[in-house]
Protein backbone atom coordinates (compact mmCIF):
# COMPACT_ATOMS: atom_id res chain seq x y z
CA UNK A 1 -25.60 -13.85 -22.58
CA UNK A 2 -24.48 -13.62 -19.09
CA UNK A 3 -23.77 -15.88 -16.82
CA UNK A 4 -23.56 -15.66 -12.91
CA UNK A 5 -22.73 -18.62 -10.95
CA UNK A 6 -25.18 -21.02 -12.18
CA UNK A 7 -27.93 -18.72 -13.37
CA UNK A 8 -27.99 -17.52 -17.50
CA UNK A 9 -29.36 -14.12 -17.88
CA UNK A 10 -30.42 -14.26 -21.52
CA UNK A 11 -31.27 -10.51 -22.05
CA UNK A 12 -28.05 -9.28 -21.32
CA UNK A 13 -24.46 -9.45 -22.93
CA UNK A 14 -20.85 -8.16 -21.95
CA UNK A 15 -18.10 -6.20 -23.17
CA UNK A 16 -14.73 -8.54 -23.28
CA UNK A 17 -12.82 -5.29 -23.17
CA UNK A 18 -14.51 -2.94 -20.43
CA UNK A 19 -17.03 -5.41 -18.37
CA UNK A 20 -19.60 -3.03 -19.99
CA UNK A 21 -23.14 -4.90 -19.46
CA UNK A 22 -25.43 -3.97 -22.50
CA UNK A 23 -29.28 -5.11 -23.02
CA UNK A 24 -29.20 -7.57 -25.65
CA UNK A 25 -31.77 -6.40 -27.49
CA UNK A 26 -31.78 -2.91 -27.57
CA UNK A 27 -27.79 -1.96 -27.18
CA UNK A 28 -28.80 -0.08 -24.54
CA UNK A 29 -25.43 0.42 -21.79
CA UNK A 30 -26.81 -0.65 -18.12
CA UNK A 31 -26.01 0.71 -14.99
CA UNK A 32 -23.55 -0.64 -12.88
CA UNK A 33 -23.45 0.71 -9.15
CA UNK A 34 -20.77 0.50 -6.22
CA UNK A 35 -20.42 -2.00 -3.40
CA UNK A 36 -17.54 -1.82 -1.47
CA UNK A 37 -15.42 -0.17 -4.35
CA UNK A 38 -17.00 -2.83 -6.92
CA UNK A 39 -19.27 -2.54 -9.70
CA UNK A 40 -22.05 -4.47 -9.34
CA UNK A 41 -24.76 -4.91 -11.83
CA UNK A 42 -28.23 -5.82 -9.53
CA UNK A 43 -26.29 -7.01 -6.94
CA UNK A 44 -23.31 -9.36 -8.75
CA UNK A 45 -19.99 -8.49 -9.22
CA UNK A 46 -19.39 -7.39 -12.50
CA UNK A 47 -15.58 -9.25 -12.19
CA UNK A 48 -17.40 -12.35 -11.57
CA UNK A 49 -19.83 -11.86 -14.34
CA UNK A 50 -17.02 -11.84 -15.94
CA UNK A 51 -15.82 -15.16 -15.45
CA UNK A 52 -18.33 -16.98 -15.13
CA UNK A 53 -19.53 -15.45 -18.66
CA UNK A 54 -16.66 -16.59 -20.54
CA UNK A 55 -14.75 -18.58 -18.39
CA UNK A 56 -17.22 -20.55 -16.83
CA UNK A 57 -18.26 -21.14 -12.82
CA UNK A 58 -15.60 -22.10 -10.92
CA UNK A 59 -16.73 -23.11 -7.29
CA UNK A 60 -14.55 -22.33 -4.60
CA UNK A 61 -12.54 -20.17 -7.00
CA UNK A 62 -11.56 -16.49 -6.15
CA UNK A 63 -11.74 -14.01 -8.95
CA UNK A 64 -8.46 -11.90 -8.65
CA UNK A 65 -7.73 -8.59 -10.61
CA UNK A 66 -4.01 -8.88 -11.66
CA UNK A 67 -3.51 -5.60 -11.76
CA UNK A 68 -5.18 -4.54 -8.70
CA UNK A 69 -7.60 -2.16 -9.47
CA UNK A 70 -10.90 -3.28 -8.55
CA UNK A 71 -12.80 -1.06 -11.75
CA UNK A 72 -10.50 -2.70 -14.52
CA UNK A 73 -12.82 -4.90 -15.24
CA UNK A 74 -10.98 -6.00 -18.82
CA UNK A 75 -11.24 -10.32 -19.20
CA UNK A 76 -7.46 -10.10 -19.53
CA UNK A 77 -7.06 -8.42 -16.35
CA UNK A 78 -9.02 -11.40 -14.54
CA UNK A 79 -7.39 -14.64 -13.69
CA UNK A 80 -9.00 -17.03 -11.31
CA UNK A 81 -7.40 -18.57 -7.90
CA UNK A 82 -8.19 -20.46 -5.10
CA UNK A 83 -8.73 -18.53 -1.75
CA UNK A 84 -5.73 -19.38 -0.44
CA UNK A 85 -4.21 -18.43 -3.04
CA UNK A 86 -5.34 -15.39 -3.31
CA UNK A 87 -5.73 -14.81 0.42
CA UNK A 88 -2.13 -15.19 0.19
CA UNK A 89 -1.37 -12.52 -2.51
CA UNK A 90 -3.74 -10.17 -0.59
CA UNK A 91 -1.60 -10.56 2.76
CA UNK A 92 2.09 -11.53 1.11
CA UNK A 93 4.84 -9.37 1.94
CA UNK A 94 5.17 -8.09 -1.21
CA UNK A 95 1.92 -6.17 -1.02
CA UNK A 96 3.16 -4.68 2.53
CA UNK A 97 3.50 -0.80 2.39
CA UNK A 98 2.19 -0.88 -1.67
CA UNK A 99 0.08 2.23 -2.60
CA UNK A 100 -2.58 2.09 -5.48
CA UNK A 101 -1.54 5.08 -8.17
CA UNK A 102 -2.88 9.05 -8.23
CA UNK A 103 -4.94 8.08 -10.76
CA UNK A 104 -6.48 5.11 -9.22
CA UNK A 105 -7.38 6.58 -5.85
CA UNK A 106 -9.19 9.64 -8.12
CA UNK A 107 -11.39 7.35 -9.78
CA UNK A 108 -12.18 5.35 -6.97
CA UNK A 109 -12.75 8.27 -5.11
CA UNK A 110 -14.99 9.70 -7.94
CA UNK A 111 -17.15 5.93 -8.32
CA UNK A 112 -17.39 6.28 -4.51
CA UNK A 113 -19.20 10.35 -4.31
CA UNK A 114 -22.99 10.51 -3.80
CA UNK A 115 -25.65 8.04 -4.26
CA UNK A 116 -22.68 5.34 -5.69
CA UNK A 117 -20.80 5.44 -1.72
CA UNK A 118 -22.17 2.54 0.33
CA UNK A 119 -22.94 4.88 3.64
CA UNK A 120 -25.02 7.43 0.76
CA UNK A 121 -28.26 8.54 2.86
CA UNK A 122 -27.50 5.80 5.77
CA UNK A 123 -27.99 7.28 9.31
CA UNK A 124 -26.59 5.85 12.88
CA UNK A 125 -29.28 5.33 15.20
CA UNK A 126 -29.53 6.88 18.52
CA UNK A 127 -28.41 3.87 20.25
CA UNK A 128 -25.70 4.19 18.34
CA UNK A 129 -24.58 7.49 18.23
CA UNK A 130 -24.42 7.25 22.71
CA UNK A 131 -22.24 4.34 22.27
CA UNK A 132 -19.84 6.51 19.93
CA UNK A 133 -20.35 9.33 22.64
CA UNK A 134 -19.61 7.28 25.49
CA UNK A 135 -15.86 7.51 26.74
CA UNK A 136 -13.84 4.57 26.14
CA UNK A 137 -12.52 2.50 30.04
CA UNK A 138 -8.80 2.75 30.57
CA UNK A 139 -8.07 -0.69 29.98
CA UNK A 140 -10.24 -0.35 26.74
CA UNK A 141 -7.78 2.41 26.10
CA UNK A 142 -4.78 0.20 26.78
CA UNK A 143 -5.31 -2.37 24.16
CA UNK A 144 -5.64 -0.47 21.38
CA UNK A 145 -2.06 1.70 22.35
CA UNK A 146 0.16 -0.43 20.20
CA UNK A 147 3.23 -0.22 22.89
CA UNK A 148 6.48 1.72 20.47
CA UNK A 149 10.20 0.44 20.91
CA UNK A 150 12.75 2.76 21.66
CA UNK A 151 13.81 3.26 18.39
CA UNK A 152 10.58 4.03 17.60
CA UNK A 153 10.13 7.21 20.35
CA UNK A 154 13.59 8.34 19.02
CA UNK A 155 12.21 8.66 15.28
CA UNK A 156 9.06 10.08 16.40
CA UNK A 157 11.14 12.96 18.63
CA UNK A 158 13.23 13.68 16.22
CA UNK A 159 10.42 14.30 13.65
CA UNK A 160 8.68 16.25 15.91
CA UNK A 161 12.24 18.15 15.71
CA UNK A 162 12.53 18.82 12.35
CA UNK A 163 8.52 19.94 12.67
CA UNK A 164 8.81 22.53 15.13
CA UNK A 165 11.88 23.95 13.50
CA UNK A 166 10.48 24.29 10.24
CA UNK A 167 6.99 25.54 11.53
CA UNK A 168 9.91 28.33 12.97
CA UNK A 169 11.64 29.14 9.77
CA UNK A 170 7.91 29.42 7.67
CA UNK A 171 7.42 31.93 11.04
CA UNK A 172 10.12 34.00 10.78
CA UNK A 173 9.88 34.06 6.77
């Protein structure tokens, strides 16, 4: 039996270690699909199914992945946080500049390929294509430009000089 919010699905069971969903009668693994990089089953996020099934449903709380890996739905990796705590964690200074490991990036990339990509088979309308082709106004361009400090400008000049020097050295060899 699995639970999602107040719904109960007796025909399925879920593994607390892997988050795999099975047909309770046949034992057959059920397909999960990625939606915005998160595994889902019948439109329900698997990490939420895990938490609601094993911890119970707590309204107005978010389910958080402790290791930040959206594909790791192990019960030991999930915890309930208030929405404010969850937002604070993801916006905290400690996460600025933090990068996913190469392994995690590779798993997310592989999991979002082809038919699993949420944009697979979707196309822009002609109206949208026209809007994208339309040049931006100078006012919009100015808003999009971020003013740079003198230190940033100096760093950019130095980086440009190093790149040019490296290119010259490569061309000489």
